[in-house]
Amino acid sequence: MFQKLLVANRGEIALRVICACKELQIPTVAIYSDADSDSLHVRFADEAICIGPAKSHESYLNIPSIISAAEITNVDALHPGYGYLAENAYFAEVCESCGIKFIGPSAPTIELMGDKARARQAMSEVGLPLIPGSDVLKGTDKEIEGIAQKVGFPLIIKAVAGGGGKGMRVVTTPDELHESLAMAQAEADSAFGIPDVYLEQFLENPRHIEFQVLADEHGNVVHLGERECSIQRRHQKLIEESPSPMMTNELRQEIGNKVVQASQAIEYQNAGTVEFLFDQQGNYYFIEMNTRVQVEHPVTEMVTGLDIVQEQIRIAAGKKLEFSQKDIVLRGHSIECRINAECPETFTPSPGKITAYHAPGGTGVRLDSAAYNDCVVSPHYDSLIAKLISHGTNRSEALARLNRALDMFIIEGIQTSIPLHQKIINHPKFIEGKLGISFLDQLE
């Protein structure tokens, strides 16, 4: 096992990794920016080192500073969490060249799956169905118009190196194509440094469902079932649950087997998530694979009893999975709400000082958060401040516990998305499990 591990992230995911390491008895090093000096991940790590100013590109995205911190503290492993550099193939390569184990898949695998067009091709070759679409867009305006006509309207423009809804535009008519294309390319270039985009047929109000996989360095791969992630705003997830209300055991086994086979075919290692869209006829299509731990991983942990972050660390240390597919049993139901520091009506960020904070608890309730009374939510970072997770013997019980926990969750001094979550989970269609990525339109 590792002698010391650096957590290359901040907020709740940094704290989550530190908790996993404490149970594995691995000392940890936290990195932090000037704005995060009073953060909980700094307090609870065994060591902490400041790597720069508040701006992310000068701190949490500053590879030389992070590597220097790792070398100064003599760590032999690094966990990137999610976001920031978690899916940066160059960063993974730099870690390995410096003798630091990157806790995630190899750099070539990250690069392959990070290129959405190449990922589509690779997954198509191993039998996963794809939404009709194009290769990376190249050519004259007229040639691009022809490609768009072949894909068909409505369509969606997607960044090749995309994620988090960046570089995406829905185009309903040919007249909108070129303006939307220019906007998507500019946003992709700003967010990822790569302006390349491709086209996909746009599905009307599909369900977004993903499968969690774990793969060790000895060729063993298992899936941990699915997560329903259809409640979204601007292509970003708000509520996730496991299992999906629409999934049958037969369909889970069918897709799970394909996901395992696909992961084996690309020689995947560590934790990963294969994402699908389901149309209203029940057809499913591969859209992408995320080569990191997901924000919503706790719902899978709640129904499987596994600690995904600890499994990531064990796999990176060269250990074999201690379970096979037949050992994976989904027990009960779990739902997660992403609590953001933002106005629940306009979704504008609401940074500031938390003046009162009460965390809900009780049977079947879990809270992953780095917030506390009198802490300051910085305007420099993502607005996620907490993940509230419930678990019950069935979906109804999980919903009842989530309702109770949201009602007892006190955060004052800033605005949060708690009222929005209460509105969503009490909507008749949510209660019935009739979900889709356009669900929020039904709340208006």
Protein backbone atom coordinates (compact mmCIF):
# COMPACT_ATOMS: atom_id res chain seq x y z
CA MET A 1 0.00 0.00 0.00
CA PHE A 2 1.07 3.61 -0.47
CA GLN A 3 3.19 5.39 2.13
CA LYS A 4 1.70 8.86 1.59
CA LEU A 5 -0.91 10.28 -0.77
CA LEU A 6 -1.46 13.80 -2.11
CA VAL A 7 -5.04 14.94 -2.75
CA ALA A 8 -4.96 17.17 -5.83
CA ASN A 9 -8.33 18.82 -5.30
CA ARG A 10 -10.42 20.85 -2.88
CA GLY A 11 -13.85 20.92 -1.23
CA GLU A 12 -15.99 17.91 -0.46
CA ILE A 13 -14.18 15.50 -2.81
CA ALA A 14 -10.81 16.31 -1.21
CA LEU A 15 -12.34 15.61 2.20
CA ARG A 16 -13.90 12.41 0.84
CA VAL A 17 -10.52 11.11 -0.32
CA ILE A 18 -8.92 12.02 3.01
CA CYS A 19 -11.63 10.04 4.84
CA ALA A 20 -10.93 6.99 2.66
CA CYS A 21 -7.21 7.29 3.34
CA LYS A 22 -7.72 7.57 7.09
CA GLU A 23 -9.54 4.24 7.05
CA LEU A 24 -6.74 2.72 4.97
CA GLN A 25 -4.19 4.27 7.36
CA ILE A 26 -2.49 6.24 4.57
CA PRO A 27 -1.14 9.68 5.56
CA THR A 28 -2.39 12.48 3.33
CA VAL A 29 -1.16 15.79 1.97
CA ALA A 30 -3.66 18.51 1.11
CA ILE A 31 -2.95 21.25 -1.38
CA TYR A 32 -4.79 24.55 -1.12
CA SER A 33 -5.02 28.03 -2.58
CA ASP A 34 -4.85 31.25 -0.59
CA ALA A 35 -8.67 31.31 -0.57
CA ASP A 36 -8.87 27.83 0.99
CA SER A 37 -6.50 28.16 3.91
CA ASP A 38 -9.34 27.60 6.41
CA SER A 39 -10.93 24.69 4.52
CA LEU A 40 -11.71 21.37 6.19
CA HIS A 41 -9.58 19.34 3.79
CA VAL A 42 -6.60 21.41 4.97
CA ARG A 43 -7.51 20.83 8.61
CA PHE A 44 -7.99 17.07 8.39
CA ALA A 45 -5.06 16.13 6.15
CA ASP A 46 -1.84 15.12 7.86
CA GLU A 47 0.06 17.80 5.96
CA ALA A 48 -0.99 20.78 3.88
CA ILE A 49 0.85 22.96 1.42
CA CYS A 50 -0.24 26.20 -0.27
CA ILE A 51 0.21 26.08 -4.04
CA GLY A 52 -0.87 29.54 -5.14
CA PRO A 53 -3.47 32.31 -5.34
CA ALA A 54 -7.23 31.83 -5.43
CA LYS A 55 -7.58 31.61 -9.20
CA SER A 56 -7.73 27.96 -10.27
CA HIS A 57 -5.25 28.26 -13.11
CA GLU A 58 -2.69 29.58 -10.61
CA SER A 59 -3.34 26.86 -8.03
CA TYR A 60 -5.51 23.76 -8.57
CA LEU A 61 -4.72 23.69 -12.31
CA ASN A 62 -1.05 24.58 -11.86
CA ILE A 63 0.71 21.30 -12.65
CA PRO A 64 4.28 22.44 -11.76
CA SER A 65 3.10 23.69 -8.35
CA ILE A 66 1.21 20.47 -7.62
CA ILE A 67 4.13 18.27 -8.65
CA SER A 68 6.49 20.41 -6.53
CA ALA A 69 4.18 19.95 -3.54
CA ALA A 70 4.16 16.19 -4.14
CA GLU A 71 7.95 16.00 -4.37
CA ILE A 72 8.55 18.24 -1.35
CA THR A 73 6.27 16.09 0.81
CA ASN A 74 7.68 12.85 -0.63
CA VAL A 75 4.36 11.25 -1.60
CA ASP A 76 4.19 8.11 -3.71
CA ALA A 77 0.58 8.50 -4.91
CA LEU A 78 -1.81 11.23 -6.01
CA HIS A 79 -5.62 11.23 -6.16
CA PRO A 80 -7.08 13.86 -8.53
CA GLY A 81 -10.71 13.65 -7.35
CA TYR A 82 -13.09 14.92 -10.05
CA GLY A 83 -12.88 18.08 -12.15
CA TYR A 84 -9.69 20.13 -12.44
CA LEU A 85 -6.93 17.75 -13.60
CA ALA A 86 -8.75 14.45 -13.01
CA GLU A 87 -9.13 13.73 -16.74
CA ASN A 88 -5.95 15.43 -17.92
CA ALA A 89 -3.80 12.85 -19.69
CA TYR A 90 -0.72 15.08 -19.60
CA PHE A 91 -1.01 15.45 -15.82
CA ALA A 92 -1.29 11.67 -15.40
CA GLU A 93 1.78 11.24 -17.59
CA VAL A 94 3.77 13.82 -15.60
CA CYS A 95 2.86 12.08 -12.34
CA GLU A 96 4.05 8.72 -13.63
CA SER A 97 7.29 10.21 -15.02
CA CYS A 98 8.00 11.64 -11.56
CA GLY A 99 7.47 8.29 -9.87
CA ILE A 100 4.09 9.28 -8.40
CA LYS A 101 1.23 6.84 -8.90
CA PHE A 102 -1.74 8.60 -10.50
CA ILE A 103 -4.91 7.09 -9.05
CA GLY A 104 -6.89 6.58 -12.20
CA PRO A 105 -6.49 4.98 -15.61
CA SER A 106 -3.38 5.33 -17.76
CA ALA A 107 -2.65 8.51 -19.69
CA PRO A 108 -3.39 6.87 -23.10
CA THR A 109 -6.78 5.66 -21.82
CA ILE A 110 -7.65 9.11 -20.45
CA GLU A 111 -6.64 10.63 -23.77
CA LEU A 112 -8.72 8.12 -25.75
CA MET A 113 -11.88 8.56 -23.70
CA GLY A 114 -11.36 12.32 -23.37
CA ASP A 115 -11.59 12.68 -27.14
CA LYS A 116 -15.34 12.19 -27.55
CA ALA A 117 -15.10 11.43 -31.26
CA ARG A 118 -12.40 8.76 -30.76
CA ALA A 119 -14.28 7.39 -27.75
CA ARG A 120 -17.43 6.98 -29.88
CA GLN A 121 -15.43 5.10 -32.50
CA ALA A 122 -13.74 2.86 -29.92
CA MET A 123 -17.00 1.97 -28.18
CA SER A 124 -18.76 1.37 -31.50
CA GLU A 125 -16.06 -1.15 -32.40
CA VAL A 126 -16.79 -3.15 -29.23
CA GLY A 127 -20.54 -3.19 -29.82
CA LEU A 128 -22.02 -0.26 -27.90
CA PRO A 129 -24.77 1.53 -29.89
CA LEU A 130 -24.17 5.18 -30.80
CA ILE A 131 -26.47 8.12 -31.43
CA PRO A 132 -26.24 8.99 -35.15
CA GLY A 133 -23.64 11.73 -35.53
CA SER A 134 -20.57 13.04 -37.31
CA ASP A 135 -16.81 12.89 -37.01
CA VAL A 136 -14.92 16.02 -35.95
CA LEU A 137 -16.30 18.85 -38.08
CA LYS A 138 -13.97 19.96 -40.86
CA GLY A 139 -14.42 21.59 -44.24
CA THR A 140 -16.17 24.55 -45.79
CA ASP A 141 -19.44 26.03 -44.56
CA LYS A 142 -21.26 24.24 -47.35
CA GLU A 143 -19.67 20.89 -46.49
CA ILE A 144 -20.57 21.35 -42.81
CA GLU A 145 -24.14 22.16 -43.82
CA GLY A 146 -24.25 18.89 -45.76
CA ILE A 147 -22.97 16.95 -42.75
CA ALA A 148 -25.62 18.55 -40.56
CA GLN A 149 -28.36 17.63 -43.01
CA LYS A 150 -27.20 13.99 -42.94
CA VAL A 151 -27.27 13.95 -39.12
CA GLY A 152 -30.69 15.60 -39.17
CA PHE A 153 -32.35 18.39 -37.21
CA PRO A 154 -32.72 18.97 -34.35
CA LEU A 155 -29.08 18.20 -33.56
CA ILE A 156 -26.61 19.03 -30.83
CA ILE A 157 -23.10 20.39 -31.22
CA LYS A 158 -20.63 18.86 -28.75
CA ALA A 159 -17.04 19.67 -27.88
CA VAL A 160 -14.62 16.83 -28.61
CA ALA A 161 -12.89 17.46 -25.27
CA GLY A 162 -16.17 18.33 -23.57
CA GLY A 163 -17.58 17.95 -20.12
CA GLY A 164 -19.85 19.79 -17.71
CA GLY A 165 -22.07 21.09 -20.50
CA LYS A 166 -19.28 23.25 -21.98
CA GLY A 167 -19.13 23.64 -25.76
CA MET A 168 -22.65 22.29 -26.30
CA ARG A 169 -25.42 23.90 -28.36
CA VAL A 170 -28.78 22.55 -29.51
CA VAL A 171 -29.61 23.50 -33.12
CA THR A 172 -33.21 23.14 -34.23
CA THR A 173 -33.02 24.60 -37.76
CA PRO A 174 -30.31 25.00 -40.45
CA ASP A 175 -30.46 28.80 -40.03
CA GLU A 176 -29.08 28.48 -36.49
CA LEU A 177 -26.18 26.21 -37.43
CA HIS A 178 -23.26 28.53 -38.11
CA GLU A 179 -23.88 30.96 -35.25
CA SER A 180 -24.31 28.07 -32.80
CA LEU A 181 -21.23 26.35 -34.21
CA ALA A 182 -19.08 29.47 -33.69
CA MET A 183 -20.34 29.84 -30.11
CA ALA A 184 -19.73 26.17 -29.27
CA GLN A 185 -16.22 26.25 -30.74
CA ALA A 186 -15.34 29.42 -28.85
CA GLU A 187 -16.63 28.00 -25.56
CA ALA A 188 -14.80 24.70 -26.14
CA ASP A 189 -11.57 26.53 -26.89
CA SER A 190 -11.94 28.65 -23.75
CA ALA A 191 -12.82 25.72 -21.48
CA PHE A 192 -10.53 22.99 -22.85
CA GLY A 193 -8.03 24.69 -25.16
CA ILE A 194 -9.42 22.63 -28.05
CA PRO A 195 -12.09 24.15 -30.33
CA ASP A 196 -12.95 20.91 -32.15
CA VAL A 197 -16.61 19.86 -32.12
CA TYR A 198 -18.84 17.19 -33.66
CA LEU A 199 -22.57 16.73 -34.25
CA GLU A 200 -25.08 14.30 -32.79
CA GLN A 201 -28.76 13.79 -33.43
CA PHE A 202 -30.68 15.51 -30.64
CA LEU A 203 -32.97 13.20 -28.67
CA GLU A 204 -36.14 14.76 -27.26
CA ASN A 205 -36.18 14.50 -23.44
CA PRO A 206 -34.12 11.29 -23.11
CA ARG A 207 -33.16 9.66 -19.83
CA HIS A 208 -29.50 9.90 -18.82
CA ILE A 209 -28.29 6.67 -17.23
CA GLU A 210 -24.73 5.66 -16.43
CA PHE A 211 -22.98 2.45 -15.34
CA GLN A 212 -20.17 2.39 -12.77
CA VAL A 213 -17.23 0.07 -13.45
CA LEU A 214 -14.21 -0.99 -11.42
CA ALA A 215 -11.26 -2.60 -13.18
CA ASP A 216 -8.02 -3.78 -11.59
CA GLU A 217 -4.58 -4.09 -13.18
CA HIS A 218 -4.99 -7.85 -13.56
CA GLY A 219 -7.81 -7.81 -16.11
CA ASN A 220 -10.71 -8.16 -13.66
CA VAL A 221 -13.67 -5.87 -14.39
CA VAL A 222 -17.05 -5.57 -12.66
CA HIS A 223 -19.93 -3.15 -12.98
CA LEU A 224 -21.77 -1.79 -9.94
CA GLY A 225 -25.11 -1.21 -11.61
CA GLU A 226 -26.55 2.02 -12.89
CA ARG A 227 -27.32 5.54 -11.76
CA GLU A 228 -30.21 7.62 -13.08
CA CYS A 229 -28.93 11.15 -13.78
CA SER A 230 -31.82 12.60 -15.78
CA ILE A 231 -32.56 15.59 -13.54
CA GLN A 232 -30.29 18.21 -15.07
CA ARG A 233 -29.96 21.93 -15.64
CA ARG A 234 -27.89 23.19 -18.56
CA HIS A 235 -26.43 19.70 -19.06
CA GLN A 236 -25.28 19.55 -15.42
CA LYS A 237 -26.72 16.96 -13.06
CA LEU A 238 -28.77 18.01 -10.03
CA ILE A 239 -30.21 14.76 -8.64
CA GLU A 240 -29.00 11.19 -9.11
CA GLU A 241 -30.31 7.87 -7.88
CA SER A 242 -29.57 4.17 -7.93
CA PRO A 243 -31.08 1.99 -9.18
CA SER A 244 -32.91 3.72 -12.02
CA PRO A 245 -36.73 3.60 -11.68
CA MET A 246 -37.00 2.32 -15.27
CA MET A 247 -34.33 -0.40 -15.16
CA THR A 248 -35.17 -4.10 -15.18
CA ASN A 249 -32.85 -6.84 -14.00
CA GLU A 250 -32.66 -8.21 -17.54
CA LEU A 251 -31.73 -4.84 -19.08
CA ARG A 252 -29.22 -4.14 -16.31
CA GLN A 253 -27.51 -7.45 -17.00
CA GLU A 254 -27.52 -6.83 -20.78
CA ILE A 255 -25.99 -3.35 -20.56
CA GLY A 256 -23.71 -4.26 -17.66
CA ASN A 257 -22.21 -7.14 -19.64
CA LYS A 258 -21.58 -4.85 -22.61
CA VAL A 259 -19.97 -2.22 -20.37
CA VAL A 260 -17.65 -4.81 -18.81
CA GLN A 261 -16.69 -6.18 -22.23
CA ALA A 262 -16.04 -2.68 -23.56
CA SER A 263 -13.85 -1.85 -20.54
CA GLN A 264 -11.87 -5.03 -21.03
CA ALA A 265 -11.44 -4.31 -24.74
CA ILE A 266 -9.79 -0.95 -24.08
CA GLU A 267 -7.80 -2.44 -21.15
CA TYR A 268 -9.38 -0.01 -18.72
CA GLN A 269 -8.05 0.24 -15.16
CA ASN A 270 -9.45 1.86 -12.00
CA ALA A 271 -12.92 3.45 -11.60
CA GLY A 272 -14.84 4.66 -14.63
CA THR A 273 -18.37 5.50 -15.70
CA VAL A 274 -19.98 4.65 -19.02
CA GLU A 275 -22.84 7.02 -19.84
CA PHE A 276 -25.92 6.42 -22.01
CA LEU A 277 -28.98 8.25 -23.27
CA PHE A 278 -32.26 6.33 -23.47
CA ASP A 279 -34.86 7.56 -25.95
CA GLN A 280 -38.59 7.42 -25.30
CA GLN A 281 -38.83 4.05 -27.05
CA GLY A 282 -36.30 2.52 -24.66
CA ASN A 283 -33.37 2.41 -27.10
CA TYR A 284 -30.04 3.26 -25.49
CA TYR A 285 -26.93 4.92 -26.91
CA PHE A 286 -23.38 5.38 -25.63
CA ILE A 287 -22.41 9.05 -25.19
CA GLU A 288 -19.14 9.09 -23.21
CA MET A 289 -16.93 7.46 -20.59
CA ASN A 290 -15.70 9.45 -17.60
CA THR A 291 -12.28 8.27 -16.46
CA ARG A 292 -12.55 9.34 -12.82
CA VAL A 293 -14.70 9.07 -9.74
CA GLN A 294 -18.08 10.74 -10.32
CA VAL A 295 -19.68 13.41 -8.13
CA GLU A 296 -22.63 11.04 -7.71
CA HIS A 297 -20.64 7.96 -6.65
CA PRO A 298 -22.20 7.89 -3.13
CA VAL A 299 -25.55 6.51 -4.35
CA THR A 300 -23.75 3.49 -5.76
CA GLU A 301 -21.83 3.07 -2.51
CA MET A 302 -25.08 3.14 -0.55
CA VAL A 303 -26.74 0.36 -2.55
CA THR A 304 -23.65 -1.85 -3.00
CA GLY A 305 -21.92 -1.34 0.36
CA LEU A 306 -18.60 -0.71 -1.42
CA ASP A 307 -16.27 2.24 -0.90
CA ILE A 308 -15.43 3.29 -4.48
CA VAL A 309 -12.64 5.69 -3.45
CA GLN A 310 -10.94 3.04 -1.35
CA GLU A 311 -11.25 0.62 -4.26
CA GLN A 312 -9.59 3.19 -6.51
CA ILE A 313 -6.64 3.39 -4.14
CA ARG A 314 -6.35 -0.38 -3.75
CA ILE A 315 -6.45 -0.88 -7.52
CA ALA A 316 -3.75 1.75 -8.04
CA ALA A 317 -1.63 -0.04 -5.46
CA GLY A 318 -1.75 -3.14 -7.67
CA LYS A 319 -4.22 -5.17 -5.64
CA LYS A 320 -6.80 -7.45 -7.23
CA LEU A 321 -10.52 -6.85 -6.79
CA GLU A 322 -11.68 -8.91 -3.82
CA PHE A 323 -15.11 -9.55 -5.37
CA SER A 324 -16.55 -10.73 -8.67
CA GLN A 325 -19.70 -9.77 -10.56
CA LYS A 326 -21.84 -12.34 -8.75
CA ASP A 327 -20.96 -10.66 -5.44
CA ILE A 328 -22.43 -7.32 -6.54
CA VAL A 329 -25.99 -7.05 -5.19
CA LEU A 330 -28.01 -3.82 -5.19
CA ARG A 331 -29.77 -3.41 -1.84
CA GLY A 332 -32.48 -0.79 -1.45
CA HIS A 333 -32.55 2.60 -3.14
CA SER A 334 -30.43 5.74 -2.83
CA ILE A 335 -30.94 9.33 -4.02
CA GLU A 336 -28.50 12.25 -4.02
CA CYS A 337 -29.17 16.00 -4.19
CA ARG A 338 -26.35 18.33 -5.19
CA ILE A 339 -26.70 21.36 -2.94
CA ASN A 340 -25.28 24.43 -4.68
CA ALA A 341 -24.62 27.94 -3.42
CA GLU A 342 -26.94 29.68 -5.84
CA CYS A 343 -30.32 31.36 -6.15
CA PRO A 344 -32.88 28.54 -6.57
CA GLU A 345 -34.94 30.61 -9.05
CA THR A 346 -32.31 32.29 -11.25
CA PHE A 347 -29.40 29.88 -10.61
CA THR A 348 -27.00 32.79 -10.17
CA PRO A 349 -24.08 31.99 -7.83
CA SER A 350 -24.44 33.02 -4.18
CA PRO A 351 -20.98 33.10 -2.61
CA GLY A 352 -20.43 34.49 0.87
CA LYS A 353 -20.21 33.56 4.54
CA ILE A 354 -22.40 30.82 5.98
CA THR A 355 -23.79 32.34 9.18
CA ALA A 356 -25.76 29.30 10.38
CA TYR A 357 -25.29 25.64 9.47
CA HIS A 358 -27.08 22.53 10.66
CA ALA A 359 -26.38 19.23 8.96
CA PRO A 360 -29.25 16.72 8.88
CA GLY A 361 -28.68 13.15 10.01
CA GLY A 362 -30.58 10.14 11.20
CA THR A 363 -31.27 6.72 9.74
CA GLY A 364 -30.52 6.44 6.04
CA VAL A 365 -29.01 9.92 5.60
CA ARG A 366 -25.46 10.73 4.50
CA LEU A 367 -23.94 14.17 3.92
CA ASP A 368 -20.74 14.74 1.95
CA SER A 369 -19.70 18.35 2.49
CA ALA A 370 -16.79 20.58 3.39
CA ALA A 371 -19.06 23.39 4.60
CA TYR A 372 -19.39 24.47 8.23
CA ASN A 373 -20.69 27.35 10.32
CA ASP A 374 -18.86 30.63 9.54
CA CYS A 375 -17.04 29.19 6.52
CA VAL A 376 -16.81 31.32 3.40
CA VAL A 377 -18.06 29.99 0.05
CA SER A 378 -15.58 31.43 -2.43
CA PRO A 379 -16.69 33.01 -5.72
CA HIS A 380 -13.63 31.51 -7.39
CA TYR A 381 -14.83 27.90 -7.49
CA ASP A 382 -17.72 25.62 -8.37
CA SER A 383 -20.91 26.34 -6.43
CA LEU A 384 -21.32 22.77 -5.08
CA ILE A 385 -21.21 22.92 -1.28
CA ALA A 386 -22.82 19.64 -0.22
CA LYS A 387 -24.20 16.33 -1.43
CA LEU A 388 -27.18 15.08 0.54
CA ILE A 389 -27.74 11.35 0.10
CA SER A 390 -30.58 9.19 1.38
CA HIS A 391 -30.99 5.41 1.44
CA GLY A 392 -34.03 3.26 2.06
CA THR A 393 -35.30 -0.25 1.53
CA ASN A 394 -37.16 1.07 -1.52
CA ARG A 395 -37.52 4.31 -3.51
CA SER A 396 -40.47 5.56 -1.46
CA GLU A 397 -38.55 5.26 1.79
CA ALA A 398 -35.46 6.89 0.26
CA LEU A 399 -37.64 9.79 -0.92
CA ALA A 400 -39.27 10.19 2.50
CA ARG A 401 -35.86 10.32 4.19
CA LEU A 402 -34.55 12.78 1.61
CA ASN A 403 -37.57 15.03 2.14
CA ARG A 404 -37.07 14.96 5.88
CA ALA A 405 -33.35 15.70 5.56
CA LEU A 406 -33.86 18.61 3.15
CA ASP A 407 -36.41 20.09 5.54
CA MET A 408 -33.92 19.90 8.42
CA PHE A 409 -30.89 21.15 6.46
CA ILE A 410 -30.12 24.72 7.62
CA ILE A 411 -27.76 26.92 5.61
CA GLU A 412 -28.06 30.66 6.23
CA GLY A 413 -26.09 33.66 5.00
CA ILE A 414 -26.15 32.52 1.38
CA GLN A 415 -28.81 31.20 -0.95
CA THR A 416 -28.85 27.51 -1.85
CA SER A 417 -30.64 25.13 -4.19
CA ILE A 418 -32.45 23.35 -1.31
CA PRO A 419 -35.88 24.85 -2.20
CA LEU A 420 -35.44 23.71 -5.81
CA HIS A 421 -34.65 20.15 -4.71
CA GLN A 422 -37.72 20.10 -2.48
CA LYS A 423 -39.84 21.23 -5.40
CA ILE A 424 -38.38 18.60 -7.73
CA ILE A 425 -38.64 15.54 -5.50
CA ASN A 426 -42.24 16.37 -4.57
CA HIS A 427 -43.34 16.76 -8.18
CA PRO A 428 -45.84 14.01 -9.14
CA LYS A 429 -43.81 12.93 -12.17
CA PHE A 430 -40.62 12.61 -10.09
CA ILE A 431 -42.48 10.54 -7.51
CA GLU A 432 -43.75 8.30 -10.33
CA GLY A 433 -40.21 7.98 -11.76
CA LYS A 434 -41.16 9.61 -15.08
CA LEU A 435 -37.86 11.35 -15.68
CA GLY A 436 -35.98 12.99 -18.55
CA ILE A 437 -33.30 15.61 -19.04
CA SER A 438 -35.98 18.25 -19.83
CA PHE A 439 -37.73 17.58 -16.50
CA LEU A 440 -37.04 21.06 -15.11
CA ASP A 441 -39.11 22.58 -17.94
CA GLN A 442 -42.13 20.91 -16.34
CA LEU A 443 -41.62 22.92 -13.15
CA GLU A 444 -42.20 26.26 -14.85
